[in-house]
Each structure stands twice: as structure tokens, then as C-alpha cells.
PDB file of N, CA and C in Angstrom:
ATOM      1  N   MET A   1     -83.860 -16.623  83.160  1.00  0.00           N
ATOM      2  CA  MET A   1     -83.319 -17.510  84.184  1.00  0.00           C
ATOM      3  C   MET A   1     -82.681 -18.752  83.562  1.00  0.00           C
ATOM      4  N   LEU A   2     -83.369 -19.336  82.584  1.00  0.00           N
ATOM      5  CA  LEU A   2     -82.854 -20.549  81.950  1.00  0.00           C
ATOM      6  C   LEU A   2     -81.553 -20.271  81.197  1.00  0.00           C
ATOM      7  N   HIS A   3     -81.483 -19.118  80.536  1.00  0.00           N
ATOM      8  CA  HIS A   3     -80.269 -18.766  79.796  1.00  0.00           C
ATOM      9  C   HIS A   3     -79.083 -18.554  80.729  1.00  0.00           C
ATOM     10  N   GLU A   4     -79.343 -17.999  81.906  1.00  0.00           N
ATOM     11  CA  GLU A   4     -78.256 -17.799  82.868  1.00  0.00           C
ATOM     12  C   GLU A   4     -77.723 -19.140  83.372  1.00  0.00           C
ATOM     13  N   LEU A   5     -78.652 -20.061  83.653  1.00  0.00           N
ATOM     14  CA  LEU A   5     -78.227 -21.395  84.100  1.00  0.00           C
ATOM     15  C   LEU A   5     -77.442 -22.116  83.009  1.00  0.00           C
ATOM     16  N   GLU A   6     -77.890 -21.972  81.766  1.00  0.00           N
ATOM     17  CA  GLU A   6     -77.182 -22.582  80.645  1.00  0.00           C
ATOM     18  C   GLU A   6     -75.788 -21.972  80.485  1.00  0.00           C
ATOM     19  N   ALA A   7     -75.684 -20.676  80.660  1.00  0.00           N
ATOM     20  CA  ALA A   7     -74.381 -20.011  80.567  1.00  0.00           C
ATOM     21  C   ALA A   7     -73.450 -20.487  81.680  1.00  0.00           C
ATOM     22  N   ILE A   8     -73.981 -20.634  82.885  1.00  0.00           N
ATOM     23  CA  ILE A   8     -73.176 -21.133  84.008  1.00  0.00           C
ATOM     24  C   ILE A   8     -72.723 -22.564  83.727  1.00  0.00           C
ATOM     25  N   LEU A   9     -73.634 -23.397  83.205  1.00  0.00           N
ATOM     26  CA  LEU A   9     -73.274 -24.778  82.859  1.00  0.00           C
ATOM     27  C   LEU A   9     -72.151 -24.811  81.836  1.00  0.00           C
ATOM     28  N   HIS A  10     -72.245 -23.962  80.817  1.00  0.00           N
ATOM     29  CA  HIS A  10     -71.195 -23.905  79.789  1.00  0.00           C
ATOM     30  C   HIS A  10     -69.846 -23.532  80.400  1.00  0.00           C
ATOM     31  N   VAL A  11     -69.838 -22.570  81.283  1.00  0.00           N
ATOM     32  CA  VAL A  11     -68.589 -22.144  81.923  1.00  0.00           C
ATOM     33  C   VAL A  11     -68.001 -23.285  82.746  1.00  0.00           C
ATOM     34  N   ILE A  12     -68.837 -23.930  83.542  1.00  0.00           N
ATOM     35  CA  ILE A  12     -68.362 -25.030  84.394  1.00  0.00           C
ATOM     36  C   ILE A  12     -67.850 -26.190  83.547  1.00  0.00           C
ATOM     37  N   VAL A  13     -68.608 -26.565  82.524  1.00  0.00           N
ATOM     38  CA  VAL A  13     -68.208 -27.679  81.663  1.00  0.00           C
ATOM     39  C   VAL A  13     -66.929 -27.342  80.912  1.00  0.00           C
ATOM     40  N   ASN A  14     -66.841 -26.156  80.351  1.00  0.00           N
ATOM     41  CA  ASN A  14     -65.626 -25.782  79.611  1.00  0.00           C
ATOM     42  C   ASN A  14     -64.402 -25.739  80.526  1.00  0.00           C
ATOM     43  N   PHE A  15     -64.568 -25.237  81.748  1.00  0.00           N
ATOM     44  CA  PHE A  15     -63.456 -25.225  82.701  1.00  0.00           C
ATOM     45  C   PHE A  15     -63.028 -26.652  83.041  1.00  0.00           C
ATOM     46  N   THR A  16     -63.996 -27.526  83.280  1.00  0.00           N
ATOM     47  CA  THR A  16     -63.696 -28.920  83.613  1.00  0.00           C
ATOM     48  C   THR A  16     -63.015 -29.629  82.447  1.00  0.00           C
ATOM     49  N   ILE A  17     -63.458 -29.347  81.223  1.00  0.00           N
ATOM     50  CA  ILE A  17     -62.826 -29.938  80.037  1.00  0.00           C
ATOM     51  C   ILE A  17     -61.360 -29.526  79.974  1.00  0.00           C
ATOM     52  N   ILE A  18     -61.097 -28.254  80.168  1.00  0.00           N
ATOM     53  CA  ILE A  18     -59.712 -27.762  80.122  1.00  0.00           C
ATOM     54  C   ILE A  18     -58.871 -28.407  81.216  1.00  0.00           C
ATOM     55  N   MET A  19     -59.433 -28.526  82.425  1.00  0.00           N
ATOM     56  CA  MET A  19     -58.689 -29.140  83.532  1.00  0.00           C
ATOM     57  C   MET A  19     -58.379 -30.605  83.249  1.00  0.00           C
ATOM     58  N   LEU A  20     -59.353 -31.359  82.722  1.00  0.00           N
ATOM     59  CA  LEU A  20     -59.120 -32.766  82.398  1.00  0.00           C
ATOM     60  C   LEU A  20     -58.071 -32.913  81.297  1.00  0.00           C
ATOM     61  N   GLU A  21     -58.139 -32.044  80.290  1.00  0.00           N
ATOM     62  CA  GLU A  21     -57.130 -32.073  79.219  1.00  0.00           C
ATOM     63  C   GLU A  21     -55.739 -31.773  79.777  1.00  0.00           C
ATOM     64  N   LEU A  22     -55.647 -30.768  80.644  1.00  0.00           N
ATOM     65  CA  LEU A  22     -54.353 -30.426  81.242  1.00  0.00           C
ATOM     66  C   LEU A  22     -53.813 -31.573  82.095  1.00  0.00           C
ATOM     67  N   MET A  23     -54.695 -32.229  82.855  1.00  0.00           N
ATOM     68  CA  MET A  23     -54.255 -33.369  83.659  1.00  0.00           C
ATOM     69  C   MET A  23     -53.716 -34.477  82.763  1.00  0.00           C
ATOM     70  N   GLY A  24     -54.399 -34.730  81.652  1.00  0.00           N
ATOM     71  CA  GLY A  24     -53.928 -35.742  80.712  1.00  0.00           C
ATOM     72  C   GLY A  24     -52.565 -35.397  80.137  1.00  0.00           C
ATOM     73  N   VAL A  25     -52.393 -34.151  79.744  1.00  0.00           N
ATOM     74  CA  VAL A  25     -51.107 -33.700  79.198  1.00  0.00           C
ATOM     75  C   VAL A  25     -50.010 -33.796  80.262  1.00  0.00           C
ATOM     76  N   PHE A  26     -50.325 -33.400  81.492  1.00  0.00           N
ATOM     77  CA  PHE A  26     -49.358 -33.476  82.582  1.00  0.00           C
ATOM     78  C   PHE A  26     -48.927 -34.923  82.830  1.00  0.00           C
ATOM     79  N   ILE A  27     -49.887 -35.844  82.849  1.00  0.00           N
ATOM     80  CA  ILE A  27     -49.568 -37.257  83.077  1.00  0.00           C
ATOM     81  C   ILE A  27     -48.706 -37.805  81.944  1.00  0.00           C
ATOM     82  N   ILE A  28     -49.001 -37.420  80.716  1.00  0.00           N
ATOM     83  CA  ILE A  28     -48.178 -37.860  79.575  1.00  0.00           C
ATOM     84  C   ILE A  28     -46.750 -37.348  79.741  1.00  0.00           C
ATOM     85  N   GLY A  29     -46.612 -36.077  80.126  1.00  0.00           N
ATOM     86  CA  GLY A  29     -45.279 -35.501  80.315  1.00  0.00           C
ATOM     87  C   GLY A  29     -44.496 -36.205  81.406  1.00  0.00           C
ATOM     88  N   VAL A  30     -45.144 -36.408  82.558  1.00  0.00           N
ATOM     89  CA  VAL A  30     -44.470 -37.078  83.679  1.00  0.00           C
ATOM     90  C   VAL A  30     -44.112 -38.514  83.307  1.00  0.00           C
ATOM     91  N   SER A  31     -45.033 -39.214  82.644  1.00  0.00           N
ATOM     92  CA  SER A  31     -44.772 -40.600  82.237  1.00  0.00           C
ATOM     93  C   SER A  31     -43.632 -40.672  81.231  1.00  0.00           C
ATOM     94  N   GLY A  32     -43.587 -39.698  80.329  1.00  0.00           N
ATOM     95  CA  GLY A  32     -42.505 -39.669  79.352  1.00  0.00           C
ATOM     96  C   GLY A  32     -41.149 -39.448  80.000  1.00  0.00           C
ATOM     97  N   ILE A  33     -41.104 -38.520  80.942  1.00  0.00           N
ATOM     98  CA  ILE A  33     -39.844 -38.255  81.652  1.00  0.00           C
ATOM     99  C   ILE A  33     -39.428 -39.477  82.465  1.00  0.00           C
ATOM    100  N   LYS A  34     -40.395 -40.069  83.170  1.00  0.00           N
ATOM    101  CA  LYS A  34     -40.111 -41.272  83.958  1.00  0.00           C
ATOM    102  C   LYS A  34     -39.673 -42.424  83.049  1.00  0.00           C
ATOM    103  N   GLY A  35     -40.333 -42.566  81.906  1.00  0.00           N
ATOM    104  CA  GLY A  35     -39.963 -43.608  80.954  1.00  0.00           C
ATOM    105  C   GLY A  35     -38.558 -43.413  80.416  1.00  0.00           C
ATOM    106  N   PHE A  36     -38.218 -42.164  80.104  1.00  0.00           N
ATOM    107  CA  PHE A  36     -36.872 -41.881  79.612  1.00  0.00           C
ATOM    108  C   PHE A  36     -35.824 -42.181  80.688  1.00  0.00           C
ATOM    109  N   TYR A  37     -36.131 -41.796  81.917  1.00  0.00           N
ATOM    110  CA  TYR A  37     -35.220 -42.072  83.038  1.00  0.00           C
ATOM    111  C   TYR A  37     -35.008 -43.580  83.192  1.00  0.00           C
ATOM    112  N   ASN A  38     -36.102 -44.343  83.154  1.00  0.00           N
ATOM    113  CA  ASN A  38     -36.000 -45.805  83.265  1.00  0.00           C
ATOM    114  C   ASN A  38     -35.245 -46.403  82.081  1.00  0.00           C
ATOM    115  N   TYR A  39     -35.421 -45.818  80.903  1.00  0.00           N
ATOM    116  CA  TYR A  39     -34.715 -46.302  79.714  1.00  0.00           C
ATOM    117  C   TYR A  39     -33.208 -46.080  79.856  1.00  0.00           C
ATOM    118  N   VAL A  40     -32.839 -44.898  80.314  1.00  0.00           N
ATOM    119  CA  VAL A  40     -31.419 -44.577  80.500  1.00  0.00           C
ATOM    120  C   VAL A  40     -30.793 -45.499  81.552  1.00  0.00           C
ATOM    121  N   ARG A  41     -31.560 -45.848  82.571  1.00  0.00           N
ATOM    122  CA  ARG A  41     -31.089 -46.728  83.642  1.00  0.00           C
ATOM    123  C   ARG A  41     -31.193 -48.205  83.275  1.00  0.00           C
ATOM    124  N   HIS A  42     -31.662 -48.499  82.052  1.00  0.00           N
ATOM    125  CA  HIS A  42     -31.804 -49.877  81.559  1.00  0.00           C
ATOM    126  C   HIS A  42     -32.683 -50.734  82.465  1.00  0.00           C
ATOM    127  N   ARG A  43     -33.766 -50.144  82.923  1.00  0.00           N
ATOM    128  CA  ARG A  43     -34.705 -50.880  83.781  1.00  0.00           C
ATOM    129  C   ARG A  43     -35.699 -51.631  82.909  1.00  0.00           C
ATOM    130  N   PRO A  44     -36.058 -52.841  83.306  1.00  0.00           N
ATOM    131  CA  PRO A  44     -36.953 -53.650  82.457  1.00  0.00           C
ATOM    132  C   PRO A  44     -38.400 -53.161  82.424  1.00  0.00           C
ATOM    133  N   GLU A  45     -38.808 -52.351  83.391  1.00  0.00           N
ATOM    134  CA  GLU A  45     -40.210 -51.918  83.451  1.00  0.00           C
ATOM    135  C   GLU A  45     -40.496 -50.654  82.638  1.00  0.00           C
ATOM    136  N   VAL A  46     -39.599 -50.277  81.753  1.00  0.00           N
ATOM    137  CA  VAL A  46     -39.764 -49.042  80.968  1.00  0.00           C
ATOM    138  C   VAL A  46     -41.086 -49.054  80.212  1.00  0.00           C
ATOM    139  N   LYS A  47     -41.290 -50.080  79.416  1.00  0.00           N
ATOM    140  CA  LYS A  47     -42.466 -50.148  78.556  1.00  0.00           C
ATOM    141  C   LYS A  47     -43.753 -50.198  79.383  1.00  0.00           C
ATOM    142  N   LEU A  48     -43.717 -50.959  80.464  1.00  0.00           N
ATOM    143  CA  LEU A  48     -44.900 -51.128  81.298  1.00  0.00           C
ATOM    144  C   LEU A  48     -45.291 -49.827  81.996  1.00  0.00           C
ATOM    145  N   SER A  49     -44.335 -49.146  82.587  1.00  0.00           N
ATOM    146  CA  SER A  49     -44.669 -47.902  83.295  1.00  0.00           C
ATOM    147  C   SER A  49     -45.123 -46.815  82.327  1.00  0.00           C
ATOM    148  N   LEU A  50     -44.511 -46.762  81.155  1.00  0.00           N
ATOM    149  CA  LEU A  50     -44.929 -45.770  80.163  1.00  0.00           C
ATOM    150  C   LEU A  50     -46.340 -46.077  79.668  1.00  0.00           C
ATOM    151  N   ALA A  51     -46.623 -47.342  79.418  1.00  0.00           N
ATOM    152  CA  ALA A  51     -47.961 -47.727  78.950  1.00  0.00           C
ATOM    153  C   ALA A  51     -49.023 -47.404  80.000  1.00  0.00           C
ATOM    154  N   LYS A  52     -48.716 -47.650  81.268  1.00  0.00           N
ATOM    155  CA  LYS A  52     -49.678 -47.341  82.331  1.00  0.00           C
ATOM    156  C   LYS A  52     -49.934 -45.840  82.417  1.00  0.00           C
ATOM    157  N   GLY A  53     -48.898 -45.042  82.263  1.00  0.00           N
ATOM    158  CA  GLY A  53     -49.065 -43.591  82.275  1.00  0.00           C
ATOM    159  C   GLY A  53     -49.899 -43.107  81.102  1.00  0.00           C
ATOM    160  N   LEU A  54     -49.636 -43.650  79.924  1.00  0.00           N
ATOM    161  CA  LEU A  54     -50.410 -43.261  78.745  1.00  0.00           C
ATOM    162  C   LEU A  54     -51.866 -43.674  78.879  1.00  0.00           C
ATOM    163  N   ALA A  55     -52.101 -44.855  79.448  1.00  0.00           N
ATOM    164  CA  ALA A  55     -53.483 -45.316  79.652  1.00  0.00           C
ATOM    165  C   ALA A  55     -54.221 -44.382  80.601  1.00  0.00           C
ATOM    166  N   MET A  56     -53.570 -43.980  81.675  1.00  0.00           N
ATOM    167  CA  MET A  56     -54.205 -43.077  82.633  1.00  0.00           C
ATOM    168  C   MET A  56     -54.490 -41.716  81.986  1.00  0.00           C
ATOM    169  N   ALA A  57     -53.548 -41.222  81.206  1.00  0.00           N
ATOM    170  CA  ALA A  57     -53.749 -39.936  80.527  1.00  0.00           C
ATOM    171  C   ALA A  57     -54.913 -40.021  79.548  1.00  0.00           C
ATOM    172  N   LEU A  58     -55.018 -41.140  78.837  1.00  0.00           N
ATOM    173  CA  LEU A  58     -56.119 -41.304  77.900  1.00  0.00           C
ATOM    174  C   LEU A  58     -57.466 -41.314  78.603  1.00  0.00           C
ATOM    175  N   GLU A  59     -57.517 -41.863  79.803  1.00  0.00           N
ATOM    176  CA  GLU A  59     -58.767 -41.869  80.563  1.00  0.00           C
ATOM    177  C   GLU A  59     -59.202 -40.433  80.877  1.00  0.00           C
ATOM    178  N   PHE A  60     -58.268 -39.591  81.287  1.00  0.00           N
ATOM    179  CA  PHE A  60     -58.603 -38.189  81.551  1.00  0.00           C
ATOM    180  C   PHE A  60     -59.051 -37.484  80.277  1.00  0.00           C
ATOM    181  N   LYS A  61     -58.351 -37.723  79.187  1.00  0.00           N
ATOM    182  CA  LYS A  61     -58.684 -37.057  77.939  1.00  0.00           C
ATOM    183  C   LYS A  61     -60.011 -37.557  77.381  1.00  0.00           C
ATOM    184  N   MET A  62     -60.327 -38.839  77.597  1.00  0.00           N
ATOM    185  CA  MET A  62     -61.632 -39.343  77.185  1.00  0.00           C
ATOM    186  C   MET A  62     -62.740 -38.714  78.020  1.00  0.00           C
ATOM    187  N   GLY A  63     -62.479 -38.528  79.302  1.00  0.00           N
ATOM    188  CA  GLY A  63     -63.451 -37.858  80.158  1.00  0.00           C
ATOM    189  C   GLY A  63     -63.766 -36.458  79.658  1.00  0.00           C
ATOM    190  N   SER A  64     -62.746 -35.748  79.201  1.00  0.00           N
ATOM    191  CA  SER A  64     -62.986 -34.399  78.675  1.00  0.00           C
ATOM    192  C   SER A  64     -63.813 -34.447  77.396  1.00  0.00           C
ATOM    193  N   GLU A  65     -63.577 -35.442  76.557  1.00  0.00           N
ATOM    194  CA  GLU A  65     -64.352 -35.563  75.316  1.00  0.00           C
ATOM    195  C   GLU A  65     -65.808 -35.916  75.618  1.00  0.00           C
ATOM    196  N   ILE A  66     -66.031 -36.765  76.598  1.00  0.00           N
ATOM    197  CA  ILE A  66     -67.400 -37.104  76.975  1.00  0.00           C
ATOM    198  C   ILE A  66     -68.118 -35.865  77.494  1.00  0.00           C
ATOM    199  N   LEU A  67     -67.429 -35.082  78.311  1.00  0.00           N
ATOM    200  CA  LEU A  67     -68.021 -33.821  78.787  1.00  0.00           C
ATOM    201  C   LEU A  67     -68.293 -32.854  77.638  1.00  0.00           C
ATOM    202  N   ARG A  68     -67.451 -32.887  76.639  1.00  0.00           N
ATOM    203  CA  ARG A  68     -67.618 -31.986  75.494  1.00  0.00           C
ATOM    204  C   ARG A  68     -68.957 -32.237  74.790  1.00  0.00           C
ATOM    205  N   THR A  69     -69.480 -33.474  74.897  1.00  0.00           N
ATOM    206  CA  THR A  69     -70.768 -33.766  74.262  1.00  0.00           C
ATOM    207  C   THR A  69     -71.903 -32.975  74.890  1.00  0.00           C
ATOM    208  N   VAL A  70     -71.700 -32.468  76.099  1.00  0.00           N
ATOM    209  CA  VAL A  70     -72.736 -31.678  76.776  1.00  0.00           C
ATOM    210  C   VAL A  70     -72.910 -30.322  76.097  1.00  0.00           C
ATOM    211  N   VAL A  71     -71.841 -29.760  75.561  1.00  0.00           N
ATOM    212  CA  VAL A  71     -71.901 -28.395  75.042  1.00  0.00           C
ATOM    213  C   VAL A  71     -71.950 -28.285  73.522  1.00  0.00           C
ATOM    214  N   VAL A  72     -71.841 -29.400  72.806  1.00  0.00           N
ATOM    215  CA  VAL A  72     -71.888 -29.304  71.339  1.00  0.00           C
ATOM    216  C   VAL A  72     -73.326 -29.124  70.885  1.00  0.00           C
ATOM    217  N   ARG A  73     -73.495 -28.426  69.801  1.00  0.00           N
ATOM    218  CA  ARG A  73     -74.836 -28.070  69.329  1.00  0.00           C
ATOM    219  C   ARG A  73     -75.176 -28.667  67.957  1.00  0.00           C
ATOM    220  N   GLU A  74     -74.183 -28.907  67.125  1.00  0.00           N
ATOM    221  CA  GLU A  74     -74.453 -29.332  65.751  1.00  0.00           C
ATOM    222  C   GLU A  74     -74.048 -30.786  65.546  1.00  0.00           C
ATOM    223  N   TRP A  75     -74.703 -31.437  64.590  1.00  0.00           N
ATOM    224  CA  TRP A  75     -74.444 -32.848  64.323  1.00  0.00           C
ATOM    225  C   TRP A  75     -73.008 -33.088  63.870  1.00  0.00           C
ATOM    226  N   GLU A  76     -72.439 -32.145  63.138  1.00  0.00           N
ATOM    227  CA  GLU A  76     -71.052 -32.296  62.689  1.00  0.00           C
ATOM    228  C   GLU A  76     -70.100 -32.339  63.882  1.00  0.00           C
ATOM    229  N   GLU A  77     -70.358 -31.468  64.861  1.00  0.00           N
ATOM    230  CA  GLU A  77     -69.542 -31.466  66.077  1.00  0.00           C
ATOM    231  C   GLU A  77     -69.713 -32.758  66.858  1.00  0.00           C
ATOM    232  N   ILE A  78     -70.944 -33.239  66.943  1.00  0.00           N
ATOM    233  CA  ILE A  78     -71.203 -34.497  67.652  1.00  0.00           C
ATOM    234  C   ILE A  78     -70.470 -35.641  66.977  1.00  0.00           C
ATOM    235  N   ALA A  79     -70.491 -35.673  65.648  1.00  0.00           N
ATOM    236  CA  ALA A  79     -69.791 -36.730  64.910  1.00  0.00           C
ATOM    237  C   ALA A  79     -68.285 -36.652  65.144  1.00  0.00           C
ATOM    238  N   THR A  80     -67.739 -35.443  65.167  1.00  0.00           N
ATOM    239  CA  THR A  80     -66.306 -35.265  65.416  1.00  0.00           C
ATOM    240  C   THR A  80     -65.928 -35.737  66.814  1.00  0.00           C
ATOM    241  N   VAL A  81     -66.714 -35.328  67.811  1.00  0.00           N
ATOM    242  CA  VAL A  81     -66.445 -35.733  69.195  1.00  0.00           C
ATOM    243  C   VAL A  81     -66.583 -37.247  69.330  1.00  0.00           C
ATOM    244  N   ALA A  82     -67.608 -37.822  68.699  1.00  0.00           N
ATOM    245  CA  ALA A  82     -67.795 -39.271  68.755  1.00  0.00           C
ATOM    246  C   ALA A  82     -66.607 -39.995  68.125  1.00  0.00           C
ATOM    247  N   GLY A  83     -66.117 -39.490  67.016  1.00  0.00           N
ATOM    248  CA  GLY A  83     -64.945 -40.094  66.374  1.00  0.00           C
ATOM    249  C   GLY A  83     -63.720 -40.045  67.267  1.00  0.00           C
ATOM    250  N   ILE A  84     -63.519 -38.917  67.929  1.00  0.00           N
ATOM    251  CA  ILE A  84     -62.381 -38.781  68.847  1.00  0.00           C
ATOM    252  C   ILE A  84     -62.516 -39.757  70.001  1.00  0.00           C
ATOM    253  N   ILE A  85     -63.734 -39.887  70.538  1.00  0.00           N
ATOM    254  CA  ILE A  85     -63.961 -40.817  71.647  1.00  0.00           C
ATOM    255  C   ILE A  85     -63.671 -42.247  71.204  1.00  0.00           C
ATOM    256  N   VAL A  86     -64.130 -42.622  70.019  1.00  0.00           N
ATOM    257  CA  VAL A  86     -63.891 -43.980  69.513  1.00  0.00           C
ATOM    258  C   VAL A  86     -62.396 -44.234  69.335  1.00  0.00           C
ATOM    259  N   LEU A  87     -61.688 -43.275  68.763  1.00  0.00           N
ATOM    260  CA  LEU A  87     -60.244 -43.443  68.567  1.00  0.00           C
ATOM    261  C   LEU A  87     -59.504 -43.552  69.898  1.00  0.00           C
ATOM    262  N   ARG A  88     -59.866 -42.712  70.864  1.00  0.00           N
ATOM    263  CA  ARG A  88     -59.205 -42.769  72.169  1.00  0.00           C
ATOM    264  C   ARG A  88     -59.553 -44.050  72.904  1.00  0.00           C
ATOM    265  N   ALA A  89     -60.787 -44.524  72.751  1.00  0.00           N
ATOM    266  CA  ALA A  89     -61.174 -45.791  73.377  1.00  0.00           C
ATOM    267  C   ALA A  89     -60.389 -46.949  72.756  1.00  0.00           C
ATOM    268  N   ALA A  90     -60.213 -46.919  71.446  1.00  0.00           N
ATOM    269  CA  ALA A  90     -59.427 -47.962  70.780  1.00  0.00           C
ATOM    270  C   ALA A  90     -57.970 -47.929  71.251  1.00  0.00           C
ATOM    271  N   LEU A  91     -57.417 -46.735  71.367  1.00  0.00           N
ATOM    272  CA  LEU A  91     -56.044 -46.604  71.873  1.00  0.00           C
ATOM    273  C   LEU A  91     -55.939 -47.120  73.304  1.00  0.00           C
ATOM    274  N   ALA A  92     -56.915 -46.775  74.136  1.00  0.00           N
ATOM    275  CA  ALA A  92     -56.913 -47.249  75.522  1.00  0.00           C
ATOM    276  C   ALA A  92     -57.000 -48.768  75.567  1.00  0.00           C
ATOM    277  N   PHE A  93     -57.846 -49.349  74.725  1.00  0.00           N
ATOM    278  CA  PHE A  93     -57.963 -50.809  74.662  1.00  0.00           C
ATOM    279  C   PHE A  93     -56.637 -51.443  74.282  1.00  0.00           C
ATOM    280  N   LEU A  94     -55.986 -50.900  73.259  1.00  0.00           N
ATOM    281  CA  LEU A  94     -54.697 -51.456  72.821  1.00  0.00           C
ATOM    282  C   LEU A  94     -53.618 -51.307  73.890  1.00  0.00           C
ATOM    283  N   ILE A  95     -53.611 -50.181  74.569  1.00  0.00           N
ATOM    284  CA  ILE A  95     -52.611 -49.976  75.621  1.00  0.00           C
ATOM    285  C   ILE A  95     -52.867 -50.920  76.787  1.00  0.00           C
ATOM    286  N   HIS A  96     -54.140 -51.102  77.172  1.00  0.00           N
ATOM    287  CA  HIS A  96     -54.445 -52.037  78.255  1.00  0.00           C
ATOM    288  C   HIS A  96     -54.079 -53.463  77.866  1.00  0.00           C
ATOM    289  N   TRP A  97     -54.291 -53.818  76.608  1.00  0.00           N
ATOM    290  CA  TRP A  97     -53.897 -55.147  76.119  1.00  0.00           C
ATOM    291  C   TRP A  97     -52.377 -55.307  76.210  1.00  0.00           C
ATOM    292  N   GLU A  98     -51.659 -54.289  75.818  1.00  0.00           N
ATOM    293  CA  GLU A  98     -50.198 -54.313  75.889  1.00  0.00           C
ATOM    294  C   GLU A  98     -49.726 -54.438  77.338  1.00  0.00           C
ATOM    295  N   ILE A  99     -50.397 -53.750  78.258  1.00  0.00           N
ATOM    296  CA  ILE A  99     -50.045 -53.837  79.676  1.00  0.00           C
ATOM    297  C   ILE A  99     -50.232 -55.269  80.175  1.00  0.00           C
ATOM    298  N   LYS A 100     -51.358 -55.889  79.799  1.00  0.00           N
ATOM    299  CA  LYS A 100     -51.602 -57.275  80.215  1.00  0.00           C
ATOM    300  C   LYS A 100     -50.534 -58.206  79.665  1.00  0.00           C
ATOM    301  N   GLU A 101     -50.130 -57.985  78.426  1.00  0.00           N
ATOM    302  CA  GLU A 101     -49.081 -58.819  77.822  1.00  0.00           C
ATOM    303  C   GLU A 101     -47.750 -58.643  78.550  1.00  0.00           C
ATOM    304  N   GLU A 102     -47.439 -57.400  78.905  1.00  0.00           N
ATOM    305  CA  GLU A 102     -46.180 -57.123  79.609  1.00  0.00           C
ATOM    306  C   GLU A 102     -46.181 -57.691  81.019  1.00  0.00           C
ATOM    307  N   GLU A 103     -47.363 -57.745  81.646  1.00  0.00           N
ATOM    308  CA  GLU A 103     -47.448 -58.221  83.018  1.00  0.00           C
ATOM    309  C   GLU A 103     -47.502 -59.738  83.137  1.00  0.00           C
ATOM    310  N   LYS A 104     -47.598 -60.433  82.013  1.00  0.00           N
ATOM    311  CA  LYS A 104     -47.631 -61.911  82.065  1.00  0.00           C
ATOM    312  C   LYS A 104     -46.324 -62.415  82.672  1.00  0.00           C
ATOM    313  N   PRO A 105     -46.440 -63.481  83.480  1.00  0.00           N
ATOM    314  CA  PRO A 105     -45.214 -64.029  84.106  1.00  0.00           C
ATOM    315  C   PRO A 105     -44.200 -64.455  83.050  1.00  0.00           C
ATOM    316  N   GLY A 106     -42.952 -64.161  83.335  1.00  0.00           N
ATOM    317  CA  GLY A 106     -41.864 -64.562  82.432  1.00  0.00           C
ATOM    318  C   GLY A 106     -41.674 -63.640  81.247  1.00  0.00           C
ATOM    319  N   HIS A 107     -42.459 -62.565  81.145  1.00  0.00           N
ATOM    320  CA  HIS A 107     -42.309 -61.665  79.996  1.00  0.00           C
ATOM    321  C   HIS A 107     -41.166 -60.682  80.189  1.00  0.00           C
ATOM    322  N   LEU A 108     -40.950 -60.241  81.426  1.00  0.00           N
ATOM    323  CA  LEU A 108     -39.854 -59.284  81.689  1.00  0.00           C
ATOM    324  C   LEU A 108     -38.603 -60.011  81.725  1.00  0.00           C
TER     325      LEU A 108
END
């Protein structure tokens, strides 16, 4: 019984990880296309809208990495996942900082 529940948990978690990763990739793609469109149109909000899209995508991708910690079994895998989470968190922090700088009055 316990093994069946564990197998079901693995399936659900792995499916959710894939869905979160796909959502992140989709948001990056849409943000990139929107950013390129704004760039071609010489709109001042290009950098800001692209940064917001990347930040949102990183949140989804970080969620998938956090979920991945549920299914890892070995310390090497845990260290790898932890490293990825730290790097994505640092990127998210830098992007949010950049967004705040862009949103300051008189910056655009």
C-alpha cells in the first residue's frame, strides 16, 4: 500500500514539475516576443515588461525545483537542486531589483 501511494506521489509531482517548467518556458517565449515587438516599436517600457516576464517565469521554474526536492533520493541530487534554486533565486532578486530601478520616477 505504501509503495503504491509513493508511486502515485511521484507521478503527480513529476507531472506538476513538467507543467511548471512548461509554464515558465511559455512565459519566457511570450515575454520575448512582446519585448521584441516593443523594441521594434521603440516603446520605452521594453526593458521593464521583459524583466517582469522573466521574473514571473523564474517564479514558476523555482516552484518546479522546489517540488523536485520531494522526489530526489541522493545527497548529490539534493545539492544540485539546491544550487539551481540558489542561482534562480539570485537571478529573481537581480531582476526584481532591476524592475524597481526601472520603475523609479523619471527613469523612463
